[in-house]
Amino acid sequence: YDLDNSGDIDIMELKQMMEKLGQAKTHLELKKMIAEIDTTNSGTIHYPEFLNMMLGKKSSILKIILMFEEKNKEKAKPTGLPPKKSLSDLP
């Protein structure tokens, strides 16, 4: 439901999601929903906040998911084109 691929769910994305689920909410209800989940007070729902809500703060699954998410962020991603290889380089 992160329609703009920002990594966060904002109030309009939450509104659209709730409407698609047949649970339309008022603007005030949506703000309350976000406030209950938003631990960083950003006004949006970040991925870790979403996981906390869905899995619970003490969940071992949550800890593992967040650990892998952090490791993926730390990995240096290669830039540019891969090096050229000739046929003699093949096994």
PDB file of N, CA and C in Angstrom:
ATOM      1  N   TYR A   1       0.799  -1.208   0.000  1.00  0.00           N
ATOM      2  CA  TYR A   1       0.000   0.000   0.000  1.00  0.00           C
ATOM      3  C   TYR A   1       0.842   1.272   0.000  1.00  0.00           C
ATOM      4  N   ASP A   2       2.152   1.116  -0.090  1.00  0.00           N
ATOM      5  CA  ASP A   2       3.052   2.264  -0.201  1.00  0.00           C
ATOM      6  C   ASP A   2       3.068   2.668  -1.673  1.00  0.00           C
ATOM      7  N   LEU A   3       2.086   3.445  -2.059  1.00  0.00           N
ATOM      8  CA  LEU A   3       1.848   3.732  -3.476  1.00  0.00           C
ATOM      9  C   LEU A   3       2.973   4.514  -4.143  1.00  0.00           C
ATOM     10  N   ASP A   4       3.652   5.379  -3.393  1.00  0.00           N
ATOM     11  CA  ASP A   4       4.717   6.185  -4.000  1.00  0.00           C
ATOM     12  C   ASP A   4       6.111   5.606  -3.754  1.00  0.00           C
ATOM     13  N   ASN A   5       6.174   4.394  -3.191  1.00  0.00           N
ATOM     14  CA  ASN A   5       7.440   3.706  -2.913  1.00  0.00           C
ATOM     15  C   ASN A   5       8.392   4.538  -2.062  1.00  0.00           C
ATOM     16  N   SER A   6       7.842   5.289  -1.113  1.00  0.00           N
ATOM     17  CA  SER A   6       8.667   6.122  -0.234  1.00  0.00           C
ATOM     18  C   SER A   6       9.233   5.336   0.944  1.00  0.00           C
ATOM     19  N   GLY A   7       8.680   4.162   1.186  1.00  0.00           N
ATOM     20  CA  GLY A   7       9.090   3.389   2.352  1.00  0.00           C
ATOM     21  C   GLY A   7       8.214   3.653   3.561  1.00  0.00           C
ATOM     22  N   ASP A   8       7.283   4.574   3.428  1.00  0.00           N
ATOM     23  CA  ASP A   8       6.363   4.931   4.502  1.00  0.00           C
ATOM     24  C   ASP A   8       4.933   4.877   3.985  1.00  0.00           C
ATOM     25  N   ILE A   9       3.998   4.727   4.899  1.00  0.00           N
ATOM     26  CA  ILE A   9       2.579   4.818   4.551  1.00  0.00           C
ATOM     27  C   ILE A   9       2.066   6.117   5.161  1.00  0.00           C
ATOM     28  N   ASP A  10       1.635   7.033   4.304  1.00  0.00           N
ATOM     29  CA  ASP A  10       1.104   8.305   4.807  1.00  0.00           C
ATOM     30  C   ASP A  10      -0.411   8.208   4.930  1.00  0.00           C
ATOM     31  N   ILE A  11      -1.021   9.284   5.353  1.00  0.00           N
ATOM     32  CA  ILE A  11      -2.458   9.268   5.652  1.00  0.00           C
ATOM     33  C   ILE A  11      -3.305   8.977   4.412  1.00  0.00           C
ATOM     34  N   MET A  12      -2.903   9.478   3.260  1.00  0.00           N
ATOM     35  CA  MET A  12      -3.687   9.226   2.044  1.00  0.00           C
ATOM     36  C   MET A  12      -3.567   7.768   1.593  1.00  0.00           C
ATOM     37  N   GLU A  13      -2.368   7.189   1.743  1.00  0.00           N
ATOM     38  CA  GLU A  13      -2.189   5.781   1.393  1.00  0.00           C
ATOM     39  C   GLU A  13      -2.977   4.891   2.351  1.00  0.00           C
ATOM     40  N   LEU A  14      -2.986   5.260   3.632  1.00  0.00           N
ATOM     41  CA  LEU A  14      -3.773   4.511   4.614  1.00  0.00           C
ATOM     42  C   LEU A  14      -5.261   4.616   4.298  1.00  0.00           C
ATOM     43  N   LYS A  15      -5.697   5.798   3.897  1.00  0.00           N
ATOM     44  CA  LYS A  15      -7.103   6.022   3.531  1.00  0.00           C
ATOM     45  C   LYS A  15      -7.498   5.110   2.368  1.00  0.00           C
ATOM     46  N   GLN A  16      -6.662   5.077   1.325  1.00  0.00           N
ATOM     47  CA  GLN A  16      -6.956   4.235   0.163  1.00  0.00           C
ATOM     48  C   GLN A  16      -6.970   2.760   0.540  1.00  0.00           C
ATOM     49  N   MET A  17      -6.028   2.350   1.404  1.00  0.00           N
ATOM     50  CA  MET A  17      -5.968   0.961   1.829  1.00  0.00           C
ATOM     51  C   MET A  17      -7.236   0.582   2.593  1.00  0.00           C
ATOM     52  N   MET A  18      -7.654   1.423   3.519  1.00  0.00           N
ATOM     53  CA  MET A  18      -8.845   1.129   4.313  1.00  0.00           C
ATOM     54  C   MET A  18     -10.099   1.092   3.440  1.00  0.00           C
ATOM     55  N   GLU A  19     -10.180   1.980   2.439  1.00  0.00           N
ATOM     56  CA  GLU A  19     -11.324   1.970   1.519  1.00  0.00           C
ATOM     57  C   GLU A  19     -11.354   0.681   0.705  1.00  0.00           C
ATOM     58  N   LYS A  20     -10.175   0.226   0.244  1.00  0.00           N
ATOM     59  CA  LYS A  20     -10.121  -1.022  -0.522  1.00  0.00           C
ATOM     60  C   LYS A  20     -10.539  -2.221   0.330  1.00  0.00           C
ATOM     61  N   LEU A  21     -10.283  -2.125   1.637  1.00  0.00           N
ATOM     62  CA  LEU A  21     -10.674  -3.203   2.543  1.00  0.00           C
ATOM     63  C   LEU A  21     -12.127  -3.077   2.997  1.00  0.00           C
ATOM     64  N   GLY A  22     -12.813  -2.044   2.497  1.00  0.00           N
ATOM     65  CA  GLY A  22     -14.216  -1.839   2.853  1.00  0.00           C
ATOM     66  C   GLY A  22     -14.403  -1.249   4.244  1.00  0.00           C
ATOM     67  N   GLN A  23     -13.373  -0.583   4.752  1.00  0.00           N
ATOM     68  CA  GLN A  23     -13.406  -0.016   6.096  1.00  0.00           C
ATOM     69  C   GLN A  23     -13.073   1.475   6.048  1.00  0.00           C
ATOM     70  N   ALA A  24     -13.812   2.241   5.280  1.00  0.00           N
ATOM     71  CA  ALA A  24     -13.539   3.677   5.127  1.00  0.00           C
ATOM     72  C   ALA A  24     -13.529   4.359   6.485  1.00  0.00           C
ATOM     73  N   LYS A  25     -12.581   5.259   6.688  1.00  0.00           N
ATOM     74  CA  LYS A  25     -12.417   5.975   7.956  1.00  0.00           C
ATOM     75  C   LYS A  25     -12.404   7.474   7.700  1.00  0.00           C
ATOM     76  N   THR A  26     -12.759   8.242   8.739  1.00  0.00           N
ATOM     77  CA  THR A  26     -12.680   9.701   8.635  1.00  0.00           C
ATOM     78  C   THR A  26     -11.213  10.119   8.771  1.00  0.00           C
ATOM     79  N   HIS A  27     -10.946  11.377   8.428  1.00  0.00           N
ATOM     80  CA  HIS A  27      -9.589  11.903   8.525  1.00  0.00           C
ATOM     81  C   HIS A  27      -9.080  11.809   9.969  1.00  0.00           C
ATOM     82  N   LEU A  28      -9.931  12.119  10.922  1.00  0.00           N
ATOM     83  CA  LEU A  28      -9.559  12.058  12.335  1.00  0.00           C
ATOM     84  C   LEU A  28      -9.245  10.621  12.767  1.00  0.00           C
ATOM     85  N   GLU A  29     -10.053   9.672  12.315  1.00  0.00           N
ATOM     86  CA  GLU A  29      -9.811   8.263  12.647  1.00  0.00           C
ATOM     87  C   GLU A  29      -8.482   7.789  12.063  1.00  0.00           C
ATOM     88  N   LEU A  30      -8.181   8.219  10.843  1.00  0.00           N
ATOM     89  CA  LEU A  30      -6.916   7.841  10.214  1.00  0.00           C
ATOM     90  C   LEU A  30      -5.729   8.430  10.970  1.00  0.00           C
ATOM     91  N   LYS A  31      -5.858   9.685  11.397  1.00  0.00           N
ATOM     92  CA  LYS A  31      -4.780  10.320  12.168  1.00  0.00           C
ATOM     93  C   LYS A  31      -4.550   9.582  13.483  1.00  0.00           C
ATOM     94  N   LYS A  32      -5.627   9.147  14.124  1.00  0.00           N
ATOM     95  CA  LYS A  32      -5.514   8.391  15.379  1.00  0.00           C
ATOM     96  C   LYS A  32      -4.831   7.047  15.130  1.00  0.00           C
ATOM     97  N   MET A  33      -5.181   6.388  14.020  1.00  0.00           N
ATOM     98  CA  MET A  33      -4.565   5.106  13.686  1.00  0.00           C
ATOM     99  C   MET A  33      -3.059   5.265  13.512  1.00  0.00           C
ATOM    100  N   ILE A  34      -2.659   6.299  12.780  1.00  0.00           N
ATOM    101  CA  ILE A  34      -1.238   6.534  12.562  1.00  0.00           C
ATOM    102  C   ILE A  34      -0.545   6.870  13.876  1.00  0.00           C
ATOM    103  N   ALA A  35      -1.166   7.716  14.696  1.00  0.00           N
ATOM    104  CA  ALA A  35      -0.568   8.129  15.964  1.00  0.00           C
ATOM    105  C   ALA A  35      -0.319   6.935  16.894  1.00  0.00           C
ATOM    106  N   GLU A  36      -1.184   5.937  16.846  1.00  0.00           N
ATOM    107  CA  GLU A  36      -1.027   4.749  17.694  1.00  0.00           C
ATOM    108  C   GLU A  36       0.187   3.919  17.288  1.00  0.00           C
ATOM    109  N   ILE A  37       0.564   3.985  16.017  1.00  0.00           N
ATOM    110  CA  ILE A  37       1.643   3.151  15.486  1.00  0.00           C
ATOM    111  C   ILE A  37       2.951   3.934  15.353  1.00  0.00           C
ATOM    112  N   ASP A  38       2.851   5.220  15.091  1.00  0.00           N
ATOM    113  CA  ASP A  38       3.989   6.077  14.745  1.00  0.00           C
ATOM    114  C   ASP A  38       4.838   6.405  15.978  1.00  0.00           C
ATOM    115  N   THR A  39       5.882   5.624  16.206  1.00  0.00           N
ATOM    116  CA  THR A  39       6.742   5.837  17.374  1.00  0.00           C
ATOM    117  C   THR A  39       7.754   6.958  17.153  1.00  0.00           C
ATOM    118  N   THR A  40       7.962   7.377  15.910  1.00  0.00           N
ATOM    119  CA  THR A  40       8.940   8.431  15.611  1.00  0.00           C
ATOM    120  C   THR A  40       8.289   9.801  15.462  1.00  0.00           C
ATOM    121  N   ASN A  41       6.974   9.855  15.594  1.00  0.00           N
ATOM    122  CA  ASN A  41       6.214  11.106  15.439  1.00  0.00           C
ATOM    123  C   ASN A  41       6.452  11.784  14.091  1.00  0.00           C
ATOM    124  N   SER A  42       6.563  10.979  13.050  1.00  0.00           N
ATOM    125  CA  SER A  42       6.786  11.506  11.700  1.00  0.00           C
ATOM    126  C   SER A  42       5.477  11.790  10.969  1.00  0.00           C
ATOM    127  N   GLY A  43       4.374  11.265  11.488  1.00  0.00           N
ATOM    128  CA  GLY A  43       3.091  11.427  10.813  1.00  0.00           C
ATOM    129  C   GLY A  43       2.864  10.378   9.739  1.00  0.00           C
ATOM    130  N   THR A  44       3.801   9.436   9.628  1.00  0.00           N
ATOM    131  CA  THR A  44       3.683   8.335   8.678  1.00  0.00           C
ATOM    132  C   THR A  44       4.007   7.030   9.406  1.00  0.00           C
ATOM    133  N   ILE A  45       3.733   5.920   8.744  1.00  0.00           N
ATOM    134  CA  ILE A  45       4.065   4.608   9.300  1.00  0.00           C
ATOM    135  C   ILE A  45       5.282   4.075   8.552  1.00  0.00           C
ATOM    136  N   HIS A  46       6.405   3.946   9.269  1.00  0.00           N
ATOM    137  CA  HIS A  46       7.618   3.375   8.690  1.00  0.00           C
ATOM    138  C   HIS A  46       7.524   1.849   8.750  1.00  0.00           C
ATOM    139  N   TYR A  47       8.321   1.180   7.928  1.00  0.00           N
ATOM    140  CA  TYR A  47       8.299  -0.280   7.860  1.00  0.00           C
ATOM    141  C   TYR A  47       8.522  -0.935   9.232  1.00  0.00           C
ATOM    142  N   PRO A  48       9.536  -0.522  10.009  1.00  0.00           N
ATOM    143  CA  PRO A  48       9.701  -1.150  11.338  1.00  0.00           C
ATOM    144  C   PRO A  48       8.498  -0.922  12.257  1.00  0.00           C
ATOM    145  N   GLU A  49       7.851   0.228  12.151  1.00  0.00           N
ATOM    146  CA  GLU A  49       6.649   0.497  12.957  1.00  0.00           C
ATOM    147  C   GLU A  49       5.516  -0.436  12.539  1.00  0.00           C
ATOM    148  N   PHE A  50       5.400  -0.666  11.233  1.00  0.00           N
ATOM    149  CA  PHE A  50       4.393  -1.586  10.720  1.00  0.00           C
ATOM    150  C   PHE A  50       4.653  -2.997  11.254  1.00  0.00           C
ATOM    151  N   LEU A  51       5.922  -3.425  11.220  1.00  0.00           N
ATOM    152  CA  LEU A  51       6.255  -4.756  11.735  1.00  0.00           C
ATOM    153  C   LEU A  51       5.959  -4.867  13.220  1.00  0.00           C
ATOM    154  N   ASN A  52       6.288  -3.823  13.982  1.00  0.00           N
ATOM    155  CA  ASN A  52       5.977  -3.839  15.413  1.00  0.00           C
ATOM    156  C   ASN A  52       4.490  -4.026  15.646  1.00  0.00           C
ATOM    157  N   MET A  53       3.683  -3.336  14.854  1.00  0.00           N
ATOM    158  CA  MET A  53       2.243  -3.430  14.999  1.00  0.00           C
ATOM    159  C   MET A  53       1.755  -4.839  14.645  1.00  0.00           C
ATOM    160  N   MET A  54       2.258  -5.381  13.560  1.00  0.00           N
ATOM    161  CA  MET A  54       1.770  -6.668  13.080  1.00  0.00           C
ATOM    162  C   MET A  54       2.290  -7.849  13.905  1.00  0.00           C
ATOM    163  N   LEU A  55       3.535  -7.779  14.341  1.00  0.00           N
ATOM    164  CA  LEU A  55       4.151  -8.935  14.990  1.00  0.00           C
ATOM    165  C   LEU A  55       4.328  -8.790  16.494  1.00  0.00           C
ATOM    166  N   GLY A  56       4.249  -7.582  17.007  1.00  0.00           N
ATOM    167  CA  GLY A  56       4.466  -7.365  18.434  1.00  0.00           C
ATOM    168  C   GLY A  56       5.925  -7.066  18.719  1.00  0.00           C
ATOM    169  N   LYS A  57       6.174  -6.253  19.703  1.00  0.00           N
ATOM    170  CA  LYS A  57       7.526  -5.789  20.005  1.00  0.00           C
ATOM    171  C   LYS A  57       8.447  -6.898  20.499  1.00  0.00           C
ATOM    172  N   LYS A  58       7.923  -7.933  21.108  1.00  0.00           N
ATOM    173  CA  LYS A  58       8.754  -8.985  21.677  1.00  0.00           C
ATOM    174  C   LYS A  58       8.912 -10.178  20.734  1.00  0.00           C
ATOM    175  N   SER A  59       8.384 -10.076  19.558  1.00  0.00           N
ATOM    176  CA  SER A  59       8.402 -11.198  18.634  1.00  0.00           C
ATOM    177  C   SER A  59       9.819 -11.501  18.144  1.00  0.00           C
ATOM    178  N   SER A  60      10.203 -12.765  18.201  1.00  0.00           N
ATOM    179  CA  SER A  60      11.522 -13.151  17.702  1.00  0.00           C
ATOM    180  C   SER A  60      11.575 -13.021  16.181  1.00  0.00           C
ATOM    181  N   ILE A  61      10.447 -13.208  15.526  1.00  0.00           N
ATOM    182  CA  ILE A  61      10.391 -13.048  14.070  1.00  0.00           C
ATOM    183  C   ILE A  61      10.711 -11.607  13.703  1.00  0.00           C
ATOM    184  N   LEU A  62      10.138 -10.681  14.435  1.00  0.00           N
ATOM    185  CA  LEU A  62      10.384  -9.263  14.182  1.00  0.00           C
ATOM    186  C   LEU A  62      11.867  -8.942  14.318  1.00  0.00           C
ATOM    187  N   LYS A  63      12.503  -9.436  15.363  1.00  0.00           N
ATOM    188  CA  LYS A  63      13.926  -9.165  15.577  1.00  0.00           C
ATOM    189  C   LYS A  63      14.767  -9.684  14.410  1.00  0.00           C
ATOM    190  N   ILE A  64      14.442 -10.859  13.915  1.00  0.00           N
ATOM    191  CA  ILE A  64      15.188 -11.443  12.799  1.00  0.00           C
ATOM    192  C   ILE A  64      14.986 -10.620  11.531  1.00  0.00           C
ATOM    193  N   ILE A  65      13.739 -10.240  11.259  1.00  0.00           N
ATOM    194  CA  ILE A  65      13.450  -9.434  10.063  1.00  0.00           C
ATOM    195  C   ILE A  65      14.198  -8.115  10.117  1.00  0.00           C
ATOM    196  N   LEU A  66      14.146  -7.431  11.255  1.00  0.00           N
ATOM    197  CA  LEU A  66      14.830  -6.144  11.379  1.00  0.00           C
ATOM    198  C   LEU A  66      16.336  -6.301  11.267  1.00  0.00           C
ATOM    199  N   MET A  67      16.888  -7.410  11.782  1.00  0.00           N
ATOM    200  CA  MET A  67      18.319  -7.658  11.666  1.00  0.00           C
ATOM    201  C   MET A  67      18.725  -7.775  10.199  1.00  0.00           C
ATOM    202  N   PHE A  68      17.955  -8.526   9.407  1.00  0.00           N
ATOM    203  CA  PHE A  68      18.274  -8.673   7.994  1.00  0.00           C
ATOM    204  C   PHE A  68      18.061  -7.379   7.225  1.00  0.00           C
ATOM    205  N   GLU A  69      17.057  -6.607   7.596  1.00  0.00           N
ATOM    206  CA  GLU A  69      16.826  -5.311   6.951  1.00  0.00           C
ATOM    207  C   GLU A  69      18.032  -4.405   7.156  1.00  0.00           C
ATOM    208  N   GLU A  70      18.585  -4.370   8.375  1.00  0.00           N
ATOM    209  CA  GLU A  70      19.750  -3.539   8.669  1.00  0.00           C
ATOM    210  C   GLU A  70      20.973  -4.025   7.905  1.00  0.00           C
ATOM    211  N   LYS A  71      21.157  -5.346   7.822  1.00  0.00           N
ATOM    212  CA  LYS A  71      22.304  -5.891   7.088  1.00  0.00           C
ATOM    213  C   LYS A  71      22.224  -5.532   5.612  1.00  0.00           C
ATOM    214  N   ASN A  72      21.011  -5.552   5.044  1.00  0.00           N
ATOM    215  CA  ASN A  72      20.851  -5.184   3.638  1.00  0.00           C
ATOM    216  C   ASN A  72      21.196  -3.726   3.401  1.00  0.00           C
ATOM    217  N   LYS A  73      20.900  -2.860   4.361  1.00  0.00           N
ATOM    218  CA  LYS A  73      21.219  -1.442   4.222  1.00  0.00           C
ATOM    219  C   LYS A  73      22.724  -1.218   4.259  1.00  0.00           C
ATOM    220  N   GLU A  74      23.445  -2.034   5.058  1.00  0.00           N
ATOM    221  CA  GLU A  74      24.875  -1.859   5.241  1.00  0.00           C
ATOM    222  C   GLU A  74      25.686  -2.334   4.034  1.00  0.00           C
ATOM    223  N   LYS A  75      25.175  -3.286   3.293  1.00  0.00           N
ATOM    224  CA  LYS A  75      25.918  -3.836   2.156  1.00  0.00           C
ATOM    225  C   LYS A  75      26.131  -2.768   1.093  1.00  0.00           C
ATOM    226  N   ALA A  76      27.373  -2.693   0.635  1.00  0.00           N
ATOM    227  CA  ALA A  76      27.683  -1.751  -0.444  1.00  0.00           C
ATOM    228  C   ALA A  76      27.146  -2.340  -1.742  1.00  0.00           C
ATOM    229  N   LYS A  77      26.386  -1.571  -2.443  1.00  0.00           N
ATOM    230  CA  LYS A  77      25.833  -2.032  -3.706  1.00  0.00           C
ATOM    231  C   LYS A  77      26.790  -1.637  -4.836  1.00  0.00           C
ATOM    232  N   PRO A  78      27.103  -2.577  -5.726  1.00  0.00           N
ATOM    233  CA  PRO A  78      28.008  -2.244  -6.828  1.00  0.00           C
ATOM    234  C   PRO A  78      27.398  -1.196  -7.751  1.00  0.00           C
ATOM    235  N   THR A  79      28.252  -0.355  -8.270  1.00  0.00           N
ATOM    236  CA  THR A  79      27.789   0.670  -9.199  1.00  0.00           C
ATOM    237  C   THR A  79      28.395   0.415 -10.565  1.00  0.00           C
ATOM    238  N   GLY A  80      27.745   0.898 -11.557  1.00  0.00           N
ATOM    239  CA  GLY A  80      28.254   0.764 -12.920  1.00  0.00           C
ATOM    240  C   GLY A  80      28.016  -0.612 -13.506  1.00  0.00           C
ATOM    241  N   LEU A  81      28.620  -0.838 -14.641  1.00  0.00           N
ATOM    242  CA  LEU A  81      28.473  -2.102 -15.360  1.00  0.00           C
ATOM    243  C   LEU A  81      29.403  -3.156 -14.772  1.00  0.00           C
ATOM    244  N   PRO A  82      29.004  -4.424 -14.850  1.00  0.00           N
ATOM    245  CA  PRO A  82      29.899  -5.472 -14.373  1.00  0.00           C
ATOM    246  C   PRO A  82      31.123  -5.566 -15.289  1.00  0.00           C
ATOM    247  N   PRO A  83      32.250  -6.088 -14.767  1.00  0.00           N
ATOM    248  CA  PRO A  83      33.460  -6.182 -15.601  1.00  0.00           C
ATOM    249  C   PRO A  83      33.245  -7.124 -16.785  1.00  0.00           C
ATOM    250  N   LYS A  84      33.897  -6.798 -17.898  1.00  0.00           N
ATOM    251  CA  LYS A  84      33.800  -7.646 -19.089  1.00  0.00           C
ATOM    252  C   LYS A  84      34.586  -8.922 -18.871  1.00  0.00           C
ATOM    253  N   LYS A  85      34.059 -10.009 -19.409  1.00  0.00           N
ATOM    254  CA  LYS A  85      34.752 -11.293 -19.333  1.00  0.00           C
ATOM    255  C   LYS A  85      34.804 -11.879 -20.735  1.00  0.00           C
ATOM    256  N   SER A  86      35.897 -12.565 -20.985  1.00  0.00           N
ATOM    257  CA  SER A  86      36.038 -13.214 -22.293  1.00  0.00           C
ATOM    258  C   SER A  86      35.629 -14.678 -22.169  1.00  0.00           C
ATOM    259  N   LEU A  87      35.548 -15.350 -23.290  1.00  0.00           N
ATOM    260  CA  LEU A  87      35.176 -16.767 -23.284  1.00  0.00           C
ATOM    261  C   LEU A  87      36.187 -17.602 -22.511  1.00  0.00           C
ATOM    262  N   SER A  88      37.447 -17.192 -22.498  1.00  0.00           N
ATOM    263  CA  SER A  88      38.467 -17.960 -21.776  1.00  0.00           C
ATOM    264  C   SER A  88      38.286 -17.860 -20.257  1.00  0.00           C
ATOM    265  N   ASP A  89      37.501 -16.875 -19.806  1.00  0.00           N
ATOM    266  CA  ASP A  89      37.240 -16.732 -18.371  1.00  0.00           C
ATOM    267  C   ASP A  89      36.172 -17.699 -17.881  1.00  0.00           C
ATOM    268  N   LEU A  90      35.430 -18.283 -18.794  1.00  0.00           N
ATOM    269  CA  LEU A  90      34.348 -19.192 -18.399  1.00  0.00           C
ATOM    270  C   LEU A  90      34.924 -20.499 -17.869  1.00  0.00           C
ATOM    271  N   PRO A  91      34.236 -21.122 -16.896  1.00  0.00           N
ATOM    272  CA  PRO A  91      34.739 -22.402 -16.339  1.00  0.00           C
ATOM    273  C   PRO A  91      34.665 -23.534 -17.328  1.00  0.00           C
TER     274      PRO A  91
END
